[in-house]
Structures are given as C-alpha cells and as structure tokens.
Amino acid sequence: MMAIRTHRYSRRALYCAVIALLLLSSCRTHRSATGAVPPSSSTPAAQQGAAEDSILQRADANRIPYEWFATRIRVSYSDGKSEMDFTAVVRMRRDSVIWLSLQGPFGIEGARVLITPDSVRIVNHLSNEYTAQPVSSLSRMLPMQTSIRELQDFIMGYYLHLSGLTPRYRGMEDSLHLIPAESAQLSYRAFLYPENYTMAKSLLTDKMVGQQMSITFGGYASEAGHPFSEDRTIGLKQGDQAYTLHLSYSKVRINEPLDFPFEVGSGMKHSDRIRFE
C-alpha cells in the first residue's frame, strides 16, 4: 500500500502518522526590523503583562477566519529503524469536524480518521479494524488535554491557549519572543518571530508521563491574506522512543464547503481501544 522504504507497514508508524496530522501549523515570516524592544524577564510585572497581552493579541490576529479548511500533505516518517512516505488529505469544519485520509501510491487509502467534539473514529485498512473512542482518549497519545478546538488550533498553527495554563512573557531568547505556560502536568514553550508574531517553534511536555513534542516551522506562504506554513518538522518522544516527521503542504483550500465520508466495512473487526501495536 503506502510507500514504505522498509517495504512493510508498522502499526506504530501508522500511530505516528495520525499524530502528525494533528500537528500542522504556523506561518510565513519576513525578517524585517520592527523597532519594538520587548521587556526582559526583569521588567516590572505590570509592564510585562501588558507586553504579553500585546504579543498574544498580535499572534491571534494571524488566525485565518475559516469555516472550512482542506489541504494535502506529504509526510516523511522516521523512527531511527524504519522510514516511510505517504500522503495525507485533511479536511475540517471549524469547531465541528476533523477528517483525515492517509494514502499511499495511486491514492490507495491505509486509514481514515474522523474526529468530532465528542469522539474519534478510526478505520484501519491495514489491520481491517475500526474503533470509536471519546475524543479525550487522544490525551494518551498527545501531551495535552484534547478537544476539537485545541486540535484544530494545532492544525492551523496558532499559539495554544491551553486550558489551565497561564502564559507568562519571558522576553527574548535566540532573537525570538518566548512565552511559556506551565501547570503541574504540562509545560508549553512557544517562540514567536518578533517581525510578525508568527510561531517559530514550540515545545510541549507532559511532565507526568514523559511525553514531549517539538515543532519547527518553515516554508511560509500566505493563505486568505494570513500567514500559513507549508513546511514543518515534528519531533515526538515517548520514553526511550523517538519519532521524526517532516510535513510538506500543498493544495490548501479555505472556505470551500466539504464533505466528510466515513464508512465501516461489513467485514471489519471492532476494537475497543485505539491499537497500533
């Protein structure tokens, strides 16, 4: 089916492919001086809070005002032992649906995923299985509490306003604005370009279970008058396992009505959990 350089699929690879498609993000940057000097970490709290609010407001102004969104993504996956390439078709309706189709050569589908505010459903053609779970089950795979809005913010490349985390501006690091947010469970570090307040990179860590996800953004272009990344690299770490995914985007469509077909074949076996091992 899909083009795998090791000539075989693994369910772990499929798992990482699904996760990769939940992490699309960011925007074009044009390096030009802004003339603004952000406060350092020693800036008085009131001034620092004002700077933080201003930066996040400017970052949020980059959000694409979409109702419908679609794109095709070329994904390259590596876990240090095996590599594979495949294509993903992504469709969304704001606050309602995320639809993913993972495809190999000639458009042959390996898996289909449908995420709604309440559930995640997966048809795995590789194992001839399907499953339906509450959307919160994705929290076992991602270092965050999952809701469809947060997942769509991942896909669109926004600064993540995560529930229970309060952002605190920390000044400049490596010529980028650093805005971390932290709770007893999660640590989120977001780095924004000072020229246009788009995301440059981020690091999200679940401190309780040792999951970590890093994202860097590049290949920037304009979509519907707003910045959007067409090239990014994702690193996933879970215990002693590490995965790398490189994503390249094309055929972005904004606000064209879409359908979200999802069928379970009569011969498919039901699984009571999301299994990739």
C-alpha atoms as a PDB file:
ATOM      1  CA  MET A   1       0.000   0.000   0.000  1.00  0.00           C
ATOM      2  CA  MET A   2       1.771   3.180   1.170  1.00  0.00           C
ATOM      3  CA  ALA A   3       5.339   3.737   0.011  1.00  0.00           C
ATOM      4  CA  ILE A   4       7.457   2.441   2.878  1.00  0.00           C
ATOM      5  CA  ARG A   5      11.191   2.270   2.406  1.00  0.00           C
ATOM      6  CA  THR A   6      11.393  -0.794   4.607  1.00  0.00           C
ATOM      7  CA  HIS A   7       8.690  -2.429   2.389  1.00  0.00           C
ATOM      8  CA  ARG A   8       6.404  -3.018   5.341  1.00  0.00           C
ATOM      9  CA  TYR A   9       3.947  -1.136   7.498  1.00  0.00           C
ATOM     10  CA  SER A  10       4.043  -0.998  11.259  1.00  0.00           C
ATOM     11  CA  ARG A  11       1.088  -0.003  13.361  1.00  0.00           C
ATOM     12  CA  ARG A  12       3.435   2.191  15.379  1.00  0.00           C
ATOM     13  CA  ALA A  13       4.235   4.082  12.190  1.00  0.00           C
ATOM     14  CA  LEU A  14       0.523   4.476  11.478  1.00  0.00           C
ATOM     15  CA  TYR A  15       0.044   5.787  15.008  1.00  0.00           C
ATOM     16  CA  CYS A  16       2.713   8.430  14.441  1.00  0.00           C
ATOM     17  CA  ALA A  17       1.172   9.298  11.088  1.00  0.00           C
ATOM     18  CA  VAL A  18      -2.152  10.013  12.783  1.00  0.00           C
ATOM     19  CA  ILE A  19      -0.447  12.115  15.436  1.00  0.00           C
ATOM     20  CA  ALA A  20       1.494  14.028  12.796  1.00  0.00           C
ATOM     21  CA  LEU A  21      -1.708  15.049  11.101  1.00  0.00           C
ATOM     22  CA  LEU A  22      -2.946  16.586  14.319  1.00  0.00           C
ATOM     23  CA  LEU A  23       0.045  18.896  14.474  1.00  0.00           C
ATOM     24  CA  LEU A  24       0.022  21.055  11.352  1.00  0.00           C
ATOM     25  CA  SER A  25       0.904  24.703  12.000  1.00  0.00           C
ATOM     26  CA  SER A  26       2.493  28.158  11.569  1.00  0.00           C
ATOM     27  CA  CYS A  27       3.081  30.995   9.119  1.00  0.00           C
ATOM     28  CA  ARG A  28       5.345  32.955   6.677  1.00  0.00           C
ATOM     29  CA  THR A  29       7.952  35.230   8.225  1.00  0.00           C
ATOM     30  CA  HIS A  30       9.704  38.132   6.545  1.00  0.00           C
ATOM     31  CA  ARG A  31      12.689  39.179   8.633  1.00  0.00           C
ATOM     32  CA  SER A  32      12.441  42.956   8.927  1.00  0.00           C
ATOM     33  CA  ALA A  33      13.058  45.254  11.843  1.00  0.00           C
ATOM     34  CA  THR A  34      10.020  46.170  13.917  1.00  0.00           C
ATOM     35  CA  GLY A  35      11.654  48.806  16.109  1.00  0.00           C
ATOM     36  CA  ALA A  36       9.955  47.316  19.167  1.00  0.00           C
ATOM     37  CA  VAL A  37      12.082  46.338  22.143  1.00  0.00           C
ATOM     38  CA  PRO A  38      10.310  43.676  24.249  1.00  0.00           C
ATOM     39  CA  PRO A  39      10.663  43.757  28.017  1.00  0.00           C
ATOM     40  CA  SER A  40      13.166  41.458  29.667  1.00  0.00           C
ATOM     41  CA  SER A  41      12.316  38.982  32.394  1.00  0.00           C
ATOM     42  CA  SER A  42      13.256  41.700  34.917  1.00  0.00           C
ATOM     43  CA  THR A  43      10.582  44.083  33.611  1.00  0.00           C
ATOM     44  CA  PRO A  44       8.016  45.019  36.302  1.00  0.00           C
ATOM     45  CA  ALA A  45       5.031  42.675  36.350  1.00  0.00           C
ATOM     46  CA  ALA A  46       2.514  45.245  35.104  1.00  0.00           C
ATOM     47  CA  GLN A  47       4.641  46.168  32.093  1.00  0.00           C
ATOM     48  CA  GLN A  48       5.468  42.525  31.426  1.00  0.00           C
ATOM     49  CA  GLY A  49       1.783  41.588  31.480  1.00  0.00           C
ATOM     50  CA  ALA A  50       0.990  44.403  29.049  1.00  0.00           C
ATOM     51  CA  ALA A  51       3.726  43.184  26.671  1.00  0.00           C
ATOM     52  CA  GLU A  52       2.443  39.617  26.927  1.00  0.00           C
ATOM     53  CA  ASP A  53      -1.121  40.682  26.112  1.00  0.00           C
ATOM     54  CA  SER A  54       0.064  42.765  23.167  1.00  0.00           C
ATOM     55  CA  ILE A  55       2.173  39.950  21.704  1.00  0.00           C
ATOM     56  CA  LEU A  56      -0.586  37.354  22.043  1.00  0.00           C
ATOM     57  CA  GLN A  57      -3.143  39.729  20.540  1.00  0.00           C
ATOM     58  CA  ARG A  58      -0.869  40.228  17.538  1.00  0.00           C
ATOM     59  CA  ALA A  59      -0.276  36.479  17.291  1.00  0.00           C
ATOM     60  CA  ASP A  60      -4.021  35.802  17.393  1.00  0.00           C
ATOM     61  CA  ALA A  61      -4.540  38.415  14.650  1.00  0.00           C
ATOM     62  CA  ASN A  62      -2.722  35.984  12.315  1.00  0.00           C
ATOM     63  CA  ARG A  63      -5.531  33.434  12.642  1.00  0.00           C
ATOM     64  CA  ILE A  64      -7.256  32.561   9.373  1.00  0.00           C
ATOM     65  CA  PRO A  65     -11.012  33.270   9.676  1.00  0.00           C
ATOM     66  CA  TYR A  66     -12.023  29.927   8.194  1.00  0.00           C
ATOM     67  CA  GLU A  67     -15.233  27.918   8.349  1.00  0.00           C
ATOM     68  CA  TRP A  68     -13.900  25.167   6.054  1.00  0.00           C
ATOM     69  CA  PHE A  69     -10.282  24.113   5.553  1.00  0.00           C
ATOM     70  CA  ALA A  70      -8.591  21.464   3.374  1.00  0.00           C
ATOM     71  CA  THR A  71      -5.050  20.549   2.364  1.00  0.00           C
ATOM     72  CA  ARG A  72      -2.873  17.696   1.073  1.00  0.00           C
ATOM     73  CA  ILE A  73       0.300  16.843   2.982  1.00  0.00           C
ATOM     74  CA  ARG A  74       3.325  14.838   2.002  1.00  0.00           C
ATOM     75  CA  VAL A  75       4.644  13.146   5.157  1.00  0.00           C
ATOM     76  CA  SER A  76       8.062  11.578   5.678  1.00  0.00           C
ATOM     77  CA  TYR A  77       8.337   9.460   8.839  1.00  0.00           C
ATOM     78  CA  SER A  78      11.396   8.027  10.592  1.00  0.00           C
ATOM     79  CA  ASP A  79      11.864   6.253  13.915  1.00  0.00           C
ATOM     80  CA  GLY A  80      15.578   5.511  13.528  1.00  0.00           C
ATOM     81  CA  LYS A  81      14.860   1.971  12.352  1.00  0.00           C
ATOM     82  CA  SER A  82      12.382   2.394   9.526  1.00  0.00           C
ATOM     83  CA  GLU A  83      11.211   5.146   7.207  1.00  0.00           C
ATOM     84  CA  MET A  84       8.056   5.708   5.188  1.00  0.00           C
ATOM     85  CA  ASP A  85       6.461   8.323   2.969  1.00  0.00           C
ATOM     86  CA  PHE A  86       2.748   8.838   2.433  1.00  0.00           C
ATOM     87  CA  THR A  87       0.167  11.464   1.587  1.00  0.00           C
ATOM     88  CA  ALA A  88      -2.474  12.794   3.947  1.00  0.00           C
ATOM     89  CA  VAL A  89      -5.686  14.502   2.943  1.00  0.00           C
ATOM     90  CA  VAL A  90      -7.031  16.799   5.672  1.00  0.00           C
ATOM     91  CA  ARG A  91     -10.475  18.395   5.825  1.00  0.00           C
ATOM     92  CA  MET A  92     -12.005  20.432   8.641  1.00  0.00           C
ATOM     93  CA  ARG A  93     -15.050  22.390   9.608  1.00  0.00           C
ATOM     94  CA  ARG A  94     -14.418  24.836  12.403  1.00  0.00           C
ATOM     95  CA  ASP A  95     -15.335  23.526  15.889  1.00  0.00           C
ATOM     96  CA  SER A  96     -17.131  20.562  14.279  1.00  0.00           C
ATOM     97  CA  VAL A  97     -15.053  18.022  12.323  1.00  0.00           C
ATOM     98  CA  ILE A  98     -11.500  16.925  11.561  1.00  0.00           C
ATOM     99  CA  TRP A  99     -11.311  14.341   8.749  1.00  0.00           C
ATOM    100  CA  LEU A 100      -8.067  12.590   7.767  1.00  0.00           C
ATOM    101  CA  SER A 101      -7.297  10.128   4.969  1.00  0.00           C
ATOM    102  CA  LEU A 102      -3.823   8.518   4.933  1.00  0.00           C
ATOM    103  CA  GLN A 103      -2.946   7.431   1.403  1.00  0.00           C
ATOM    104  CA  GLY A 104      -0.158   5.588  -0.383  1.00  0.00           C
ATOM    105  CA  PRO A 105       0.772   5.392  -4.072  1.00  0.00           C
ATOM    106  CA  PHE A 106      -2.081   5.788  -6.543  1.00  0.00           C
ATOM    107  CA  GLY A 107      -4.294   7.169  -3.771  1.00  0.00           C
ATOM    108  CA  ILE A 108      -4.716   3.799  -2.027  1.00  0.00           C
ATOM    109  CA  GLU A 109      -6.046   4.509   1.465  1.00  0.00           C
ATOM    110  CA  GLY A 110      -4.398   2.955   4.520  1.00  0.00           C
ATOM    111  CA  ALA A 111      -6.542   4.573   7.217  1.00  0.00           C
ATOM    112  CA  ARG A 112      -9.286   7.116   7.738  1.00  0.00           C
ATOM    113  CA  VAL A 113      -9.917   9.184  10.874  1.00  0.00           C
ATOM    114  CA  LEU A 114     -12.988  11.212  11.868  1.00  0.00           C
ATOM    115  CA  ILE A 115     -12.804  13.463  14.920  1.00  0.00           C
ATOM    116  CA  THR A 116     -15.851  15.314  16.257  1.00  0.00           C
ATOM    117  CA  PRO A 117     -16.295  17.256  19.534  1.00  0.00           C
ATOM    118  CA  ASP A 118     -17.293  14.007  21.275  1.00  0.00           C
ATOM    119  CA  SER A 119     -15.453  11.161  19.566  1.00  0.00           C
ATOM    120  CA  VAL A 120     -12.563   9.903  17.457  1.00  0.00           C
ATOM    121  CA  ARG A 121     -13.246   7.106  14.981  1.00  0.00           C
ATOM    122  CA  ILE A 122     -10.576   5.251  13.038  1.00  0.00           C
ATOM    123  CA  VAL A 123     -10.878   2.791  10.174  1.00  0.00           C
ATOM    124  CA  ASN A 124      -7.578   0.921   9.847  1.00  0.00           C
ATOM    125  CA  HIS A 125      -7.460  -0.816   6.469  1.00  0.00           C
ATOM    126  CA  LEU A 126      -4.047  -2.256   7.326  1.00  0.00           C
ATOM    127  CA  SER A 127      -5.437  -4.417  10.128  1.00  0.00           C
ATOM    128  CA  ASN A 128      -9.069  -4.500   8.901  1.00  0.00           C
ATOM    129  CA  GLU A 129     -10.172  -2.965  12.201  1.00  0.00           C
ATOM    130  CA  TYR A 130     -12.172   0.029  13.334  1.00  0.00           C
ATOM    131  CA  THR A 131     -12.579   1.756  16.669  1.00  0.00           C
ATOM    132  CA  ALA A 132     -14.655   4.534  18.228  1.00  0.00           C
ATOM    133  CA  GLN A 133     -13.470   6.312  21.355  1.00  0.00           C
ATOM    134  CA  PRO A 134     -14.182   9.565  23.218  1.00  0.00           C
ATOM    135  CA  VAL A 135     -12.036  12.411  21.920  1.00  0.00           C
ATOM    136  CA  SER A 136     -10.358  12.587  25.330  1.00  0.00           C
ATOM    137  CA  SER A 137      -8.676   9.235  24.532  1.00  0.00           C
ATOM    138  CA  LEU A 138      -6.222  11.144  22.315  1.00  0.00           C
ATOM    139  CA  SER A 139      -4.729  12.540  25.523  1.00  0.00           C
ATOM    140  CA  ARG A 140      -2.983   9.173  25.884  1.00  0.00           C
ATOM    141  CA  MET A 141      -1.076   9.956  22.679  1.00  0.00           C
ATOM    142  CA  LEU A 142      -0.618  13.728  22.877  1.00  0.00           C
ATOM    143  CA  PRO A 143       0.957  15.708  25.735  1.00  0.00           C
ATOM    144  CA  MET A 144      -2.206  17.777  26.253  1.00  0.00           C
ATOM    145  CA  GLN A 145      -5.862  17.540  27.166  1.00  0.00           C
ATOM    146  CA  THR A 146      -7.559  17.184  23.814  1.00  0.00           C
ATOM    147  CA  SER A 147     -10.626  18.967  22.496  1.00  0.00           C
ATOM    148  CA  ILE A 148     -11.522  19.524  18.874  1.00  0.00           C
ATOM    149  CA  ARG A 149     -10.818  23.251  19.180  1.00  0.00           C
ATOM    150  CA  GLU A 150      -7.320  22.640  20.561  1.00  0.00           C
ATOM    151  CA  LEU A 151      -6.624  20.046  17.864  1.00  0.00           C
ATOM    152  CA  GLN A 152      -7.740  22.471  15.157  1.00  0.00           C
ATOM    153  CA  ASP A 153      -5.531  25.165  16.676  1.00  0.00           C
ATOM    154  CA  PHE A 154      -2.651  22.689  16.332  1.00  0.00           C
ATOM    155  CA  ILE A 155      -3.523  22.109  12.700  1.00  0.00           C
ATOM    156  CA  MET A 156      -3.837  25.815  11.907  1.00  0.00           C
ATOM    157  CA  GLY A 157      -0.591  26.716  13.690  1.00  0.00           C
ATOM    158  CA  TYR A 158      -1.923  29.065  16.342  1.00  0.00           C
ATOM    159  CA  TYR A 159      -0.439  29.900  19.712  1.00  0.00           C
ATOM    160  CA  LEU A 160      -2.113  27.350  22.002  1.00  0.00           C
ATOM    161  CA  HIS A 161      -4.290  28.823  24.719  1.00  0.00           C
ATOM    162  CA  LEU A 162      -4.306  25.600  26.722  1.00  0.00           C
ATOM    163  CA  SER A 163      -6.865  25.133  29.470  1.00  0.00           C
ATOM    164  CA  GLY A 164      -5.401  25.581  32.934  1.00  0.00           C
ATOM    165  CA  LEU A 165      -2.155  27.196  31.715  1.00  0.00           C
ATOM    166  CA  THR A 166      -1.433  30.917  32.130  1.00  0.00           C
ATOM    167  CA  PRO A 167       1.120  32.367  29.679  1.00  0.00           C
ATOM    168  CA  ARG A 168       3.955  34.490  31.112  1.00  0.00           C
ATOM    169  CA  TYR A 169       6.121  36.545  28.770  1.00  0.00           C
ATOM    170  CA  ARG A 170       9.830  35.921  29.374  1.00  0.00           C
ATOM    171  CA  GLY A 171      11.459  38.347  26.938  1.00  0.00           C
ATOM    172  CA  MET A 172      13.737  37.367  24.058  1.00  0.00           C
ATOM    173  CA  GLU A 173      15.614  34.099  23.628  1.00  0.00           C
ATOM    174  CA  ASP A 174      17.638  33.396  20.477  1.00  0.00           C
ATOM    175  CA  SER A 175      16.113  36.570  18.932  1.00  0.00           C
ATOM    176  CA  LEU A 176      12.567  35.193  19.418  1.00  0.00           C
ATOM    177  CA  HIS A 177       9.768  36.148  21.795  1.00  0.00           C
ATOM    178  CA  LEU A 178       9.434  33.417  24.444  1.00  0.00           C
ATOM    179  CA  ILE A 179       6.022  32.870  26.035  1.00  0.00           C
ATOM    180  CA  PRO A 180       5.956  29.816  28.307  1.00  0.00           C
ATOM    181  CA  ALA A 181       2.975  28.438  30.195  1.00  0.00           C
ATOM    182  CA  GLU A 182       3.078  25.738  32.826  1.00  0.00           C
ATOM    183  CA  SER A 183       0.958  23.638  35.151  1.00  0.00           C
ATOM    184  CA  ALA A 184       1.715  20.674  37.418  1.00  0.00           C
ATOM    185  CA  GLN A 185       1.203  18.375  34.412  1.00  0.00           C
ATOM    186  CA  LEU A 186       2.101  20.378  31.294  1.00  0.00           C
ATOM    187  CA  SER A 187       4.901  22.640  30.127  1.00  0.00           C
ATOM    188  CA  TYR A 188       4.417  24.717  26.966  1.00  0.00           C
ATOM    189  CA  ARG A 189       7.147  26.919  25.467  1.00  0.00           C
ATOM    190  CA  ALA A 190       6.219  28.955  22.411  1.00  0.00           C
ATOM    191  CA  PHE A 191       8.691  31.037  20.403  1.00  0.00           C
ATOM    192  CA  LEU A 192       7.360  33.798  18.129  1.00  0.00           C
ATOM    193  CA  TYR A 193       9.097  35.825  15.451  1.00  0.00           C
ATOM    194  CA  PRO A 194       9.306  39.499  16.510  1.00  0.00           C
ATOM    195  CA  GLU A 195       8.726  40.715  12.926  1.00  0.00           C
ATOM    196  CA  ASN A 196       5.163  39.451  12.556  1.00  0.00           C
ATOM    197  CA  TYR A 197       4.352  37.393  15.699  1.00  0.00           C
ATOM    198  CA  THR A 198       4.024  34.084  13.873  1.00  0.00           C
ATOM    199  CA  MET A 199       5.087  30.842  15.509  1.00  0.00           C
ATOM    200  CA  ALA A 200       8.751  29.885  15.014  1.00  0.00           C
ATOM    201  CA  LYS A 201       8.899  26.774  17.188  1.00  0.00           C
ATOM    202  CA  SER A 202       7.233  25.213  20.204  1.00  0.00           C
ATOM    203  CA  LEU A 203       7.840  22.552  22.814  1.00  0.00           C
ATOM    204  CA  LEU A 204       5.008  20.811  24.673  1.00  0.00           C
ATOM    205  CA  THR A 205       5.811  18.392  27.504  1.00  0.00           C
ATOM    206  CA  ASP A 206       3.579  16.177  29.630  1.00  0.00           C
ATOM    207  CA  LYS A 207       5.656  16.045  32.794  1.00  0.00           C
ATOM    208  CA  MET A 208       3.596  13.273  34.368  1.00  0.00           C
ATOM    209  CA  VAL A 209       4.222  10.629  31.690  1.00  0.00           C
ATOM    210  CA  GLY A 210       7.345  11.917  29.970  1.00  0.00           C
ATOM    211  CA  GLN A 211       5.796  12.719  26.576  1.00  0.00           C
ATOM    212  CA  GLN A 212       7.356  15.520  24.574  1.00  0.00           C
ATOM    213  CA  MET A 213       6.526  17.113  21.236  1.00  0.00           C
ATOM    214  CA  SER A 214       8.582  19.754  19.426  1.00  0.00           C
ATOM    215  CA  ILE A 215       7.591  21.586  16.253  1.00  0.00           C
ATOM    216  CA  THR A 216       9.607  23.887  13.987  1.00  0.00           C
ATOM    217  CA  PHE A 217       8.024  25.865  11.162  1.00  0.00           C
ATOM    218  CA  GLY A 218       9.229  26.961   7.731  1.00  0.00           C
ATOM    219  CA  GLY A 219       8.303  27.243   4.034  1.00  0.00           C
ATOM    220  CA  TYR A 220       5.921  30.080   4.751  1.00  0.00           C
ATOM    221  CA  ALA A 221       3.215  31.356   2.401  1.00  0.00           C
ATOM    222  CA  SER A 222       0.057  33.471   2.528  1.00  0.00           C
ATOM    223  CA  GLU A 223      -3.427  31.913   2.618  1.00  0.00           C
ATOM    224  CA  ALA A 224      -6.570  34.050   2.584  1.00  0.00           C
ATOM    225  CA  GLY A 225      -4.385  37.029   3.419  1.00  0.00           C
ATOM    226  CA  HIS A 226      -2.915  35.367   6.505  1.00  0.00           C
ATOM    227  CA  PRO A 227       0.401  33.573   7.114  1.00  0.00           C
ATOM    228  CA  PHE A 228       0.455  29.771   6.935  1.00  0.00           C
ATOM    229  CA  SER A 229       3.324  27.256   6.967  1.00  0.00           C
ATOM    230  CA  GLU A 230       3.829  24.761   4.141  1.00  0.00           C
ATOM    231  CA  ASP A 231       6.852  23.024   5.661  1.00  0.00           C
ATOM    232  CA  ARG A 232       7.466  21.830   9.215  1.00  0.00           C
ATOM    233  CA  THR A 233       9.264  19.222  11.276  1.00  0.00           C
ATOM    234  CA  ILE A 234       7.782  17.425  14.273  1.00  0.00           C
ATOM    235  CA  GLY A 235       9.727  15.506  16.904  1.00  0.00           C
ATOM    236  CA  LEU A 236       7.900  13.097  19.214  1.00  0.00           C
ATOM    237  CA  LYS A 237       9.449  11.470  22.276  1.00  0.00           C
ATOM    238  CA  GLN A 238       7.753   8.858  24.434  1.00  0.00           C
ATOM    239  CA  GLY A 239      10.031   7.202  26.961  1.00  0.00           C
ATOM    240  CA  ASP A 240      13.017   5.818  25.050  1.00  0.00           C
ATOM    241  CA  GLN A 241      11.209   6.021  21.698  1.00  0.00           C
ATOM    242  CA  ALA A 242      11.661   8.957  19.335  1.00  0.00           C
ATOM    243  CA  TYR A 243       9.995   9.764  16.012  1.00  0.00           C
ATOM    244  CA  THR A 244      10.581  12.445  13.409  1.00  0.00           C
ATOM    245  CA  LEU A 245       8.053  13.607  10.843  1.00  0.00           C
ATOM    246  CA  HIS A 246       8.590  16.090   8.046  1.00  0.00           C
ATOM    247  CA  LEU A 247       5.430  17.584   6.549  1.00  0.00           C
ATOM    248  CA  SER A 248       5.075  19.431   3.236  1.00  0.00           C
ATOM    249  CA  TYR A 249       1.717  21.017   2.354  1.00  0.00           C
ATOM    250  CA  SER A 250       0.002  21.755  -0.928  1.00  0.00           C
ATOM    251  CA  LYS A 251      -3.447  22.474  -2.363  1.00  0.00           C
ATOM    252  CA  VAL A 252      -4.698  24.493   0.599  1.00  0.00           C
ATOM    253  CA  ARG A 253      -8.359  25.451   0.258  1.00  0.00           C
ATOM    254  CA  ILE A 254     -10.151  27.928   2.504  1.00  0.00           C
ATOM    255  CA  ASN A 255     -13.936  28.226   2.932  1.00  0.00           C
ATOM    256  CA  GLU A 256     -14.968  25.803   0.201  1.00  0.00           C
ATOM    257  CA  PRO A 257     -17.761  23.543   1.550  1.00  0.00           C
ATOM    258  CA  LEU A 258     -16.572  19.967   2.132  1.00  0.00           C
ATOM    259  CA  ASP A 259     -17.989  16.550   2.860  1.00  0.00           C
ATOM    260  CA  PHE A 260     -16.592  14.040   5.363  1.00  0.00           C
ATOM    261  CA  PRO A 261     -17.388  10.491   4.186  1.00  0.00           C
ATOM    262  CA  PHE A 262     -16.765   7.773   6.757  1.00  0.00           C
ATOM    263  CA  GLU A 263     -17.877   4.164   6.365  1.00  0.00           C
ATOM    264  CA  VAL A 264     -17.025   0.958   8.219  1.00  0.00           C
ATOM    265  CA  GLY A 265     -16.813  -2.129   6.010  1.00  0.00           C
ATOM    266  CA  SER A 266     -19.061  -5.047   6.915  1.00  0.00           C
ATOM    267  CA  GLY A 267     -16.081  -7.382   7.338  1.00  0.00           C
ATOM    268  CA  MET A 268     -14.109  -5.130   9.675  1.00  0.00           C
ATOM    269  CA  LYS A 269     -13.352  -6.203  13.234  1.00  0.00           C
ATOM    270  CA  HIS A 270     -14.274  -3.861  16.058  1.00  0.00           C
ATOM    271  CA  SER A 271     -11.556  -2.893  18.530  1.00  0.00           C
ATOM    272  CA  ASP A 272     -12.482  -1.469  21.907  1.00  0.00           C
ATOM    273  CA  ARG A 273      -9.410   0.763  22.014  1.00  0.00           C
ATOM    274  CA  ILE A 274      -7.058   2.619  19.698  1.00  0.00           C
ATOM    275  CA  ARG A 275      -4.439  -0.025  18.938  1.00  0.00           C
ATOM    276  CA  PHE A 276      -1.247   0.473  16.966  1.00  0.00           C
ATOM    277  CA  GLU A 277       0.839  -2.380  18.408  1.00  0.00           C
END
